[in-house]
Amino acid sequence: MLTMRNNEDEFEAAFAAFCKRAGLRRTIQRRIIYELFYKARCHLGVEDIMAKISIKNPELRQESIYRILNDFEREGYIRKVRVPGVKKYEYASEKHGHFLCSECGRITDVDTSDIHLPTILLGASDVSITFNGICPNCAKKKK
């Protein structure tokens, strides 16, 4: 039980520090969305966020979610997933690529640290790598 409390304290401290650094008020709406990315570290679209938070906070409107996501993205806490046809956000961890399953639409993070860019691209400030194909789960179902 003590570990759970320490994790909650750590989360609250991280959220408070983020809001202070970003100059944002600590609201319940921001806290809920911050917590989704902090704990899940997954790819979430606005619809996903609406579905997850509607139980805790049914009055939160889509416009507010977009505004909060824009604030979080501006501050570098989250970033847009750069996969064609996908409108999702992810926790802004280390740089990585994505694998997009053409069957189920699942997005999986891919370590791209071993990929060596051609010399002409070494000055690139924004690199997005997406692999497309069929994930192992969907491949099993097809057999």
Protein backbone atom coordinates (compact mmCIF):
# COMPACT_ATOMS: atom_id res chain seq x y z
CA MET A 1 0.00 0.00 0.00
CA LEU A 2 2.88 2.34 0.75
CA THR A 3 4.24 1.92 -2.80
CA MET A 4 0.90 2.90 -4.31
CA ARG A 5 0.84 6.05 -2.21
CA ASN A 6 4.42 6.89 -3.21
CA ASN A 7 3.47 6.47 -6.88
CA GLU A 8 0.49 8.78 -6.39
CA ASP A 9 2.66 11.35 -4.60
CA GLU A 10 5.21 11.11 -7.43
CA PHE A 11 2.45 11.66 -9.99
CA GLU A 12 1.02 14.65 -8.11
CA ALA A 13 4.49 16.20 -7.83
CA ALA A 14 5.14 15.67 -11.54
CA PHE A 15 1.79 17.22 -12.47
CA ALA A 16 2.31 20.20 -10.16
CA ALA A 17 5.82 20.80 -11.51
CA PHE A 18 4.61 20.56 -15.11
CA CYS A 19 1.79 23.07 -14.55
CA LYS A 20 4.10 25.48 -12.76
CA ARG A 21 6.77 25.25 -15.48
CA ALA A 22 4.13 25.69 -18.22
CA GLY A 23 2.31 28.49 -16.42
CA LEU A 24 -0.94 26.50 -16.46
CA ARG A 25 -3.57 26.32 -13.73
CA ARG A 26 -3.91 22.91 -12.07
CA THR A 27 -7.43 21.93 -13.09
CA ILE A 28 -9.15 18.58 -12.71
CA GLN A 29 -9.53 18.38 -16.50
CA ARG A 30 -5.80 18.86 -17.09
CA ARG A 31 -5.02 16.43 -14.29
CA ILE A 32 -7.20 13.69 -15.81
CA ILE A 33 -5.65 14.02 -19.27
CA TYR A 34 -2.13 14.38 -17.86
CA GLU A 35 -2.69 11.19 -15.89
CA LEU A 36 -3.83 9.25 -18.98
CA PHE A 37 -0.52 9.88 -20.72
CA TYR A 38 1.57 9.67 -17.55
CA LYS A 39 0.32 6.24 -16.51
CA ALA A 40 -0.64 4.56 -19.78
CA ARG A 41 2.11 5.81 -22.10
CA CYS A 42 -0.01 4.80 -25.08
CA HIS A 43 -1.36 6.33 -28.27
CA LEU A 44 -4.62 8.19 -27.69
CA GLY A 45 -6.96 10.05 -29.99
CA VAL A 46 -9.52 12.58 -28.84
CA GLU A 47 -12.23 9.91 -29.10
CA ASP A 48 -10.14 7.57 -26.92
CA ILE A 49 -9.69 10.30 -24.34
CA MET A 50 -13.43 11.11 -24.36
CA ALA A 51 -14.28 7.45 -23.80
CA LYS A 52 -11.78 7.07 -20.95
CA ILE A 53 -12.70 10.24 -19.07
CA SER A 54 -16.45 10.36 -19.62
CA ILE A 55 -16.96 8.23 -16.51
CA LYS A 56 -14.90 10.53 -14.23
CA ASN A 57 -15.76 13.81 -15.87
CA PRO A 58 -18.76 13.61 -18.26
CA GLU A 59 -19.06 17.39 -18.61
CA LEU A 60 -15.62 17.76 -20.23
CA ARG A 61 -16.20 18.91 -23.82
CA GLN A 62 -14.23 17.98 -26.90
CA GLU A 63 -13.17 21.62 -27.40
CA SER A 64 -11.61 21.64 -23.93
CA ILE A 65 -9.76 18.41 -24.66
CA TYR A 66 -8.30 19.89 -27.86
CA ARG A 67 -7.24 23.01 -25.95
CA ILE A 68 -5.55 20.92 -23.23
CA LEU A 69 -3.84 18.71 -25.82
CA ASN A 70 -2.54 21.81 -27.61
CA ASP A 71 -1.16 23.15 -24.31
CA PHE A 72 0.48 19.82 -23.51
CA GLU A 73 1.94 19.52 -27.01
CA ARG A 74 3.25 23.11 -26.94
CA GLU A 75 4.98 22.34 -23.63
CA GLY A 76 6.54 19.13 -24.97
CA TYR A 77 4.65 16.74 -22.69
CA ILE A 78 2.93 14.96 -25.58
CA ARG A 79 3.35 14.93 -29.34
CA LYS A 80 1.23 14.04 -32.33
CA VAL A 81 1.79 10.57 -33.71
CA ARG A 82 3.03 11.08 -37.22
CA VAL A 83 1.39 8.18 -38.97
CA PRO A 84 -0.62 8.85 -42.16
CA GLY A 85 -4.35 8.68 -41.55
CA VAL A 86 -3.97 8.57 -37.76
CA LYS A 87 -4.87 11.43 -35.40
CA LYS A 88 -3.44 10.39 -32.06
CA TYR A 89 -1.12 11.72 -29.40
CA GLU A 90 1.54 10.02 -27.31
CA TYR A 91 3.67 10.77 -24.29
CA ALA A 92 6.75 12.58 -25.57
CA SER A 93 9.37 10.02 -24.59
CA GLU A 94 12.53 9.25 -26.49
CA LYS A 95 12.33 9.46 -30.25
CA HIS A 96 11.10 6.30 -31.91
CA GLY A 97 9.27 5.09 -34.99
CA HIS A 98 5.93 3.39 -35.32
CA PHE A 99 4.53 0.21 -36.81
CA LEU A 100 0.95 0.57 -38.07
CA CYS A 101 -1.03 -2.64 -38.56
CA SER A 102 -3.07 -2.35 -41.75
CA GLU A 103 -5.62 -4.85 -40.38
CA CYS A 104 -6.48 -3.73 -36.83
CA GLY A 105 -5.00 -0.21 -36.90
CA ARG A 106 -2.90 -0.78 -33.80
CA ILE A 107 0.16 1.45 -33.44
CA THR A 108 3.26 -0.02 -31.85
CA ASP A 109 6.39 1.92 -30.90
CA VAL A 110 9.55 0.79 -32.68
CA ASP A 111 13.10 1.43 -31.48
CA THR A 112 14.82 3.22 -34.34
CA SER A 113 18.07 4.02 -32.54
CA ASP A 114 20.01 1.55 -34.72
CA ILE A 115 18.84 3.13 -37.97
CA HIS A 116 21.61 5.18 -39.52
CA LEU A 117 20.54 8.15 -41.59
CA PRO A 118 22.34 9.13 -44.77
CA THR A 119 24.72 12.06 -44.29
CA ILE A 120 22.41 14.43 -46.15
CA LEU A 121 19.72 13.85 -43.47
CA LEU A 122 21.89 14.33 -40.39
CA GLY A 123 20.77 17.96 -40.09
CA ALA A 124 17.09 17.02 -40.18
CA SER A 125 15.19 18.44 -37.23
CA ASP A 126 12.10 16.29 -37.59
CA VAL A 127 12.27 12.66 -38.68
CA SER A 128 9.26 10.37 -38.75
CA ILE A 129 9.62 6.66 -39.47
CA THR A 130 6.55 4.50 -39.96
CA PHE A 131 6.49 0.84 -40.86
CA ASN A 132 3.26 -0.53 -42.31
CA GLY A 133 2.20 -4.15 -42.38
CA ILE A 134 0.28 -6.79 -40.48
CA CYS A 135 0.95 -7.31 -36.77
CA PRO A 136 1.63 -10.82 -35.41
CA ASN A 137 -1.86 -11.07 -33.85
CA CYS A 138 -3.61 -10.28 -37.13
CA ALA A 139 -1.24 -12.56 -39.05
CA LYS A 140 -2.21 -15.45 -36.72
CA LYS A 141 -5.92 -14.74 -37.29
CA LYS A 142 -5.41 -14.83 -41.07
CA LYS A 143 -3.88 -18.32 -41.00
